[in-house]
Amino acid sequence: MGLNMYLEKKEADQEEVYWRKANAIHKWFVDNVQGGVDNCKQYKVTKEDIQRLLTTVHEVLEDHTKAQGLLPPTQGFFFGSTDIDEWYFEDLQYTADELAVLLKTFDFEKDDLYYYSSW
């Protein structure tokens, strides 16, 4: 059990990005895409959302002191650690790498992208 997070193309049910227990990234989606509601439903994500998240992730990776203010960890049922440690920054680097590829390869004009989580 634990927090599982997905970015997925709706029509083909094709997974684009997957995280496990990256609760700071989950909190960003809840706050910035889901209107503060954490309910395991699918929410449409725009190219601009992905660009904003990537910019925020890069900002924290460049200055670790910004982590708590920009991408704070969040607690939840089996959400994993809330420490800002090497695992936290590994999750951010993974996120940066995956979102950069997504921005280059996903056709936001043609397809819809959705975020959802489960635990």
N, C-alpha and C. Protein backbone atom coordinates (compact mmCIF):
# COMPACT_ATOMS: atom_id res chain seq x y z
N MET A 1 0.84 -1.18 0.00
CA MET A 1 0.00 0.00 0.00
C MET A 1 0.88 1.24 0.00
N GLY A 2 0.36 2.27 -0.55
CA GLY A 2 1.08 3.52 -0.57
C GLY A 2 0.53 4.45 -1.62
N LEU A 3 1.06 5.63 -1.64
CA LEU A 3 0.65 6.65 -2.59
C LEU A 3 1.22 6.33 -3.96
N ASN A 4 0.35 6.09 -4.93
CA ASN A 4 0.72 5.89 -6.32
C ASN A 4 0.16 7.05 -7.12
N MET A 5 0.97 7.59 -8.03
CA MET A 5 0.59 8.80 -8.74
C MET A 5 0.86 8.61 -10.23
N TYR A 6 -0.06 9.11 -11.07
CA TYR A 6 0.03 8.88 -12.50
C TYR A 6 -0.31 10.14 -13.29
N LEU A 7 0.40 10.32 -14.39
CA LEU A 7 -0.02 11.21 -15.47
C LEU A 7 -0.34 10.27 -16.61
N GLU A 8 -1.53 10.41 -17.17
CA GLU A 8 -2.00 9.42 -18.12
C GLU A 8 -2.78 10.08 -19.25
N LYS A 9 -2.60 9.55 -20.45
CA LYS A 9 -3.38 10.01 -21.59
C LYS A 9 -4.75 9.36 -21.50
N LYS A 10 -5.80 10.14 -21.54
CA LYS A 10 -7.16 9.65 -21.30
C LYS A 10 -7.63 8.63 -22.33
N GLU A 11 -7.55 8.96 -23.59
CA GLU A 11 -8.16 8.13 -24.62
C GLU A 11 -7.59 6.72 -24.65
N ALA A 12 -6.31 6.60 -24.56
CA ALA A 12 -5.67 5.30 -24.71
C ALA A 12 -5.38 4.63 -23.38
N ASP A 13 -5.72 5.30 -22.28
CA ASP A 13 -5.37 4.79 -20.96
C ASP A 13 -3.88 4.44 -20.90
N GLN A 14 -3.10 5.28 -21.55
CA GLN A 14 -1.67 5.04 -21.64
C GLN A 14 -0.95 5.88 -20.59
N GLU A 15 -0.23 5.20 -19.73
CA GLU A 15 0.51 5.89 -18.68
C GLU A 15 1.69 6.63 -19.28
N GLU A 16 1.86 7.87 -18.89
CA GLU A 16 2.97 8.68 -19.35
C GLU A 16 4.04 8.81 -18.26
N VAL A 17 3.64 9.05 -17.04
CA VAL A 17 4.57 9.23 -15.92
C VAL A 17 3.97 8.57 -14.68
N TYR A 18 4.82 7.92 -13.90
CA TYR A 18 4.38 7.26 -12.66
C TYR A 18 5.35 7.62 -11.54
N TRP A 19 4.79 7.92 -10.39
CA TRP A 19 5.58 8.14 -9.17
C TRP A 19 5.04 7.24 -8.06
N ARG A 20 5.86 6.98 -7.07
CA ARG A 20 5.41 6.26 -5.88
C ARG A 20 5.89 7.04 -4.66
N LYS A 21 4.95 7.47 -3.87
CA LYS A 21 5.19 8.16 -2.59
C LYS A 21 5.99 9.46 -2.74
N ALA A 22 5.88 10.12 -3.87
CA ALA A 22 6.50 11.44 -4.06
C ALA A 22 5.49 12.48 -3.59
N ASN A 23 5.28 12.52 -2.27
CA ASN A 23 4.16 13.28 -1.72
C ASN A 23 4.26 14.78 -1.94
N ALA A 24 5.44 15.33 -2.11
CA ALA A 24 5.56 16.77 -2.40
C ALA A 24 5.03 17.08 -3.80
N ILE A 25 5.28 16.17 -4.74
CA ILE A 25 4.75 16.34 -6.09
C ILE A 25 3.23 16.17 -6.07
N HIS A 26 2.76 15.20 -5.31
CA HIS A 26 1.32 15.00 -5.17
C HIS A 26 0.66 16.26 -4.60
N LYS A 27 1.26 16.82 -3.56
CA LYS A 27 0.71 18.04 -2.95
C LYS A 27 0.65 19.16 -3.99
N TRP A 28 1.66 19.27 -4.84
CA TRP A 28 1.64 20.30 -5.88
C TRP A 28 0.43 20.11 -6.78
N PHE A 29 0.18 18.89 -7.22
CA PHE A 29 -0.98 18.64 -8.08
C PHE A 29 -2.28 18.93 -7.34
N VAL A 30 -2.38 18.53 -6.09
CA VAL A 30 -3.60 18.80 -5.32
C VAL A 30 -3.83 20.31 -5.23
N ASP A 31 -2.79 21.05 -4.90
CA ASP A 31 -2.92 22.50 -4.71
C ASP A 31 -3.11 23.26 -6.03
N ASN A 32 -2.46 22.82 -7.10
CA ASN A 32 -2.41 23.60 -8.34
C ASN A 32 -3.30 23.10 -9.47
N VAL A 33 -3.74 21.87 -9.38
CA VAL A 33 -4.57 21.29 -10.45
C VAL A 33 -5.94 20.86 -9.90
N GLN A 34 -5.96 20.36 -8.68
CA GLN A 34 -7.18 19.79 -8.11
C GLN A 34 -7.95 20.75 -7.22
N GLY A 35 -7.56 21.99 -7.17
CA GLY A 35 -8.28 22.97 -6.37
C GLY A 35 -8.27 22.67 -4.88
N GLY A 36 -7.21 21.98 -4.41
CA GLY A 36 -7.08 21.68 -2.99
C GLY A 36 -7.83 20.44 -2.54
N VAL A 37 -8.49 19.75 -3.47
CA VAL A 37 -9.29 18.57 -3.13
C VAL A 37 -8.47 17.31 -3.45
N ASP A 38 -8.20 16.50 -2.44
CA ASP A 38 -7.42 15.28 -2.61
C ASP A 38 -8.37 14.09 -2.56
N ASN A 39 -8.86 13.66 -3.72
CA ASN A 39 -9.94 12.66 -3.73
C ASN A 39 -9.73 11.51 -4.71
N CYS A 40 -8.54 11.31 -5.23
CA CYS A 40 -8.21 10.19 -6.12
C CYS A 40 -8.97 10.21 -7.44
N LYS A 41 -9.55 11.34 -7.82
CA LYS A 41 -10.22 11.45 -9.11
C LYS A 41 -9.23 11.96 -10.16
N GLN A 42 -9.60 11.82 -11.42
CA GLN A 42 -8.75 12.30 -12.50
C GLN A 42 -8.98 13.79 -12.73
N TYR A 43 -7.87 14.51 -12.95
CA TYR A 43 -7.92 15.94 -13.21
C TYR A 43 -7.09 16.24 -14.45
N LYS A 44 -7.66 17.02 -15.36
CA LYS A 44 -6.95 17.39 -16.57
C LYS A 44 -5.77 18.29 -16.23
N VAL A 45 -4.66 18.00 -16.86
CA VAL A 45 -3.41 18.74 -16.67
C VAL A 45 -3.04 19.38 -18.00
N THR A 46 -2.75 20.66 -17.98
CA THR A 46 -2.38 21.38 -19.20
C THR A 46 -0.86 21.40 -19.38
N LYS A 47 -0.46 21.77 -20.56
CA LYS A 47 0.97 21.95 -20.83
C LYS A 47 1.54 23.01 -19.89
N GLU A 48 0.76 24.05 -19.65
CA GLU A 48 1.21 25.13 -18.77
C GLU A 48 1.40 24.61 -17.33
N ASP A 49 0.53 23.71 -16.88
CA ASP A 49 0.70 23.10 -15.56
C ASP A 49 2.03 22.37 -15.48
N ILE A 50 2.32 21.57 -16.49
CA ILE A 50 3.56 20.81 -16.51
C ILE A 50 4.76 21.74 -16.53
N GLN A 51 4.68 22.80 -17.31
CA GLN A 51 5.78 23.77 -17.36
C GLN A 51 5.99 24.45 -16.01
N ARG A 52 4.88 24.82 -15.33
CA ARG A 52 5.00 25.45 -14.01
C ARG A 52 5.61 24.50 -12.99
N LEU A 53 5.16 23.24 -12.99
CA LEU A 53 5.74 22.27 -12.07
C LEU A 53 7.21 22.07 -12.36
N LEU A 54 7.57 21.94 -13.62
CA LEU A 54 8.98 21.74 -13.97
C LEU A 54 9.83 22.92 -13.54
N THR A 55 9.33 24.12 -13.73
CA THR A 55 10.06 25.32 -13.30
C THR A 55 10.26 25.30 -11.78
N THR A 56 9.22 24.94 -11.05
CA THR A 56 9.30 24.88 -9.58
C THR A 56 10.30 23.81 -9.14
N VAL A 57 10.24 22.65 -9.76
CA VAL A 57 11.17 21.57 -9.42
C VAL A 57 12.61 22.02 -9.67
N HIS A 58 12.86 22.64 -10.82
CA HIS A 58 14.22 23.12 -11.11
C HIS A 58 14.68 24.16 -10.08
N GLU A 59 13.77 25.02 -9.68
CA GLU A 59 14.13 26.04 -8.69
C GLU A 59 14.56 25.40 -7.37
N VAL A 60 13.86 24.36 -6.94
CA VAL A 60 14.21 23.68 -5.70
C VAL A 60 15.50 22.87 -5.86
N LEU A 61 15.67 22.23 -7.01
CA LEU A 61 16.90 21.48 -7.24
C LEU A 61 18.12 22.39 -7.26
N GLU A 62 17.96 23.60 -7.74
CA GLU A 62 19.06 24.56 -7.79
C GLU A 62 19.35 25.19 -6.43
N ASP A 63 18.34 25.28 -5.57
CA ASP A 63 18.50 25.87 -4.23
C ASP A 63 17.66 25.07 -3.24
N HIS A 64 18.29 24.11 -2.60
CA HIS A 64 17.59 23.19 -1.69
C HIS A 64 16.89 23.91 -0.54
N THR A 65 17.31 25.12 -0.22
CA THR A 65 16.67 25.84 0.88
C THR A 65 15.25 26.27 0.53
N LYS A 66 14.88 26.20 -0.74
CA LYS A 66 13.53 26.59 -1.17
C LYS A 66 12.53 25.44 -1.09
N ALA A 67 12.99 24.26 -0.73
CA ALA A 67 12.13 23.06 -0.76
C ALA A 67 10.88 23.23 0.09
N GLN A 68 11.03 23.62 1.33
CA GLN A 68 9.88 23.72 2.24
C GLN A 68 8.88 24.77 1.76
N GLY A 69 9.34 25.82 1.17
CA GLY A 69 8.44 26.88 0.71
C GLY A 69 7.76 26.59 -0.61
N LEU A 70 8.46 25.92 -1.53
CA LEU A 70 7.92 25.72 -2.87
C LEU A 70 7.31 24.34 -3.10
N LEU A 71 7.92 23.31 -2.53
CA LEU A 71 7.44 21.93 -2.71
C LEU A 71 7.49 21.18 -1.39
N PRO A 72 6.68 21.61 -0.43
CA PRO A 72 6.75 20.96 0.88
C PRO A 72 6.17 19.54 0.83
N PRO A 73 6.78 18.61 1.55
CA PRO A 73 6.20 17.28 1.68
C PRO A 73 4.85 17.38 2.40
N THR A 74 4.03 16.37 2.19
CA THR A 74 2.73 16.34 2.85
C THR A 74 2.48 14.96 3.45
N GLN A 75 1.77 14.95 4.54
CA GLN A 75 1.43 13.68 5.19
C GLN A 75 0.13 13.14 4.64
N GLY A 76 0.01 11.86 4.70
CA GLY A 76 -1.22 11.21 4.29
C GLY A 76 -1.12 9.72 4.54
N PHE A 77 -2.20 9.04 4.30
CA PHE A 77 -2.29 7.60 4.53
C PHE A 77 -1.29 6.88 3.62
N PHE A 78 -0.23 6.35 4.20
CA PHE A 78 0.83 5.64 3.46
C PHE A 78 1.49 6.50 2.39
N PHE A 79 1.68 7.80 2.68
CA PHE A 79 2.29 8.73 1.72
C PHE A 79 3.81 8.69 1.74
N GLY A 80 4.40 7.98 2.67
CA GLY A 80 5.85 7.92 2.76
C GLY A 80 6.42 9.04 3.61
N SER A 81 7.71 9.18 3.54
CA SER A 81 8.46 10.11 4.39
C SER A 81 8.14 11.56 4.07
N THR A 82 8.16 12.38 5.10
CA THR A 82 8.02 13.83 4.92
C THR A 82 9.35 14.55 5.14
N ASP A 83 10.43 13.78 5.16
CA ASP A 83 11.75 14.37 5.31
C ASP A 83 12.20 14.98 3.98
N ILE A 84 12.90 16.09 4.07
CA ILE A 84 13.54 16.67 2.89
C ILE A 84 14.98 16.15 2.93
N ASP A 85 15.18 15.03 2.25
CA ASP A 85 16.44 14.31 2.31
C ASP A 85 16.84 13.87 0.90
N GLU A 86 17.79 12.97 0.82
CA GLU A 86 18.28 12.52 -0.49
C GLU A 86 17.17 11.89 -1.33
N TRP A 87 16.23 11.18 -0.69
CA TRP A 87 15.12 10.55 -1.42
C TRP A 87 14.18 11.61 -2.00
N TYR A 88 13.93 12.65 -1.23
CA TYR A 88 13.11 13.78 -1.69
C TYR A 88 13.71 14.37 -2.97
N PHE A 89 15.02 14.65 -2.93
CA PHE A 89 15.66 15.26 -4.08
C PHE A 89 15.79 14.29 -5.26
N GLU A 90 15.89 13.00 -4.99
CA GLU A 90 15.86 12.01 -6.07
C GLU A 90 14.49 12.02 -6.76
N ASP A 91 13.42 12.13 -5.97
CA ASP A 91 12.07 12.23 -6.54
C ASP A 91 11.96 13.48 -7.43
N LEU A 92 12.54 14.58 -6.98
CA LEU A 92 12.49 15.80 -7.78
C LEU A 92 13.28 15.66 -9.06
N GLN A 93 14.45 15.03 -8.99
CA GLN A 93 15.24 14.86 -10.22
C GLN A 93 14.52 13.94 -11.19
N TYR A 94 13.92 12.88 -10.69
CA TYR A 94 13.12 11.98 -11.53
C TYR A 94 11.97 12.77 -12.19
N THR A 95 11.31 13.59 -11.39
CA THR A 95 10.20 14.41 -11.90
C THR A 95 10.70 15.34 -13.00
N ALA A 96 11.80 16.01 -12.77
CA ALA A 96 12.35 16.93 -13.77
C ALA A 96 12.67 16.19 -15.07
N ASP A 97 13.29 15.03 -14.95
CA ASP A 97 13.66 14.26 -16.14
C ASP A 97 12.42 13.81 -16.91
N GLU A 98 11.44 13.27 -16.20
CA GLU A 98 10.23 12.75 -16.84
C GLU A 98 9.39 13.88 -17.47
N LEU A 99 9.27 14.99 -16.77
CA LEU A 99 8.47 16.09 -17.31
C LEU A 99 9.14 16.72 -18.53
N ALA A 100 10.45 16.78 -18.55
CA ALA A 100 11.16 17.31 -19.72
C ALA A 100 10.88 16.45 -20.95
N VAL A 101 10.91 15.14 -20.77
CA VAL A 101 10.59 14.24 -21.88
C VAL A 101 9.13 14.40 -22.29
N LEU A 102 8.26 14.47 -21.31
CA LEU A 102 6.82 14.62 -21.58
C LEU A 102 6.55 15.88 -22.41
N LEU A 103 7.19 16.98 -22.05
CA LEU A 103 6.98 18.23 -22.79
C LEU A 103 7.46 18.13 -24.24
N LYS A 104 8.45 17.30 -24.49
CA LYS A 104 8.96 17.13 -25.84
C LYS A 104 8.14 16.15 -26.67
N THR A 105 7.50 15.19 -26.00
CA THR A 105 6.87 14.09 -26.74
C THR A 105 5.35 14.07 -26.71
N PHE A 106 4.74 14.69 -25.73
CA PHE A 106 3.29 14.61 -25.61
C PHE A 106 2.63 15.69 -26.46
N ASP A 107 1.62 15.32 -27.21
CA ASP A 107 0.91 16.26 -28.08
C ASP A 107 -0.29 16.84 -27.32
N PHE A 108 -0.07 17.96 -26.65
CA PHE A 108 -1.11 18.59 -25.85
C PHE A 108 -2.24 19.15 -26.72
N GLU A 109 -1.97 19.38 -28.00
CA GLU A 109 -3.01 19.88 -28.91
C GLU A 109 -3.99 18.76 -29.28
N LYS A 110 -3.49 17.56 -29.36
CA LYS A 110 -4.29 16.43 -29.82
C LYS A 110 -4.88 15.60 -28.67
N ASP A 111 -4.10 15.42 -27.60
CA ASP A 111 -4.49 14.52 -26.51
C ASP A 111 -4.65 15.26 -25.19
N ASP A 112 -5.46 14.69 -24.31
CA ASP A 112 -5.64 15.23 -22.97
C ASP A 112 -4.81 14.41 -21.99
N LEU A 113 -4.20 15.10 -21.04
CA LEU A 113 -3.39 14.48 -20.01
C LEU A 113 -4.09 14.65 -18.67
N TYR A 114 -4.11 13.60 -17.87
CA TYR A 114 -4.79 13.60 -16.58
C TYR A 114 -3.87 13.14 -15.47
N TYR A 115 -4.02 13.77 -14.32
CA TYR A 115 -3.33 13.34 -13.11
C TYR A 115 -4.34 12.66 -12.20
N TYR A 116 -3.92 11.57 -11.58
CA TYR A 116 -4.71 10.96 -10.52
C TYR A 116 -3.78 10.20 -9.59
N SER A 117 -4.28 9.93 -8.43
CA SER A 117 -3.52 9.20 -7.42
C SER A 117 -4.39 8.15 -6.77
N SER A 118 -3.75 7.22 -6.11
CA SER A 118 -4.48 6.22 -5.33
C SER A 118 -3.61 5.80 -4.16
N TRP A 119 -4.26 5.31 -3.13
CA TRP A 119 -3.55 4.77 -1.98
C TRP A 119 -4.39 3.76 -1.27
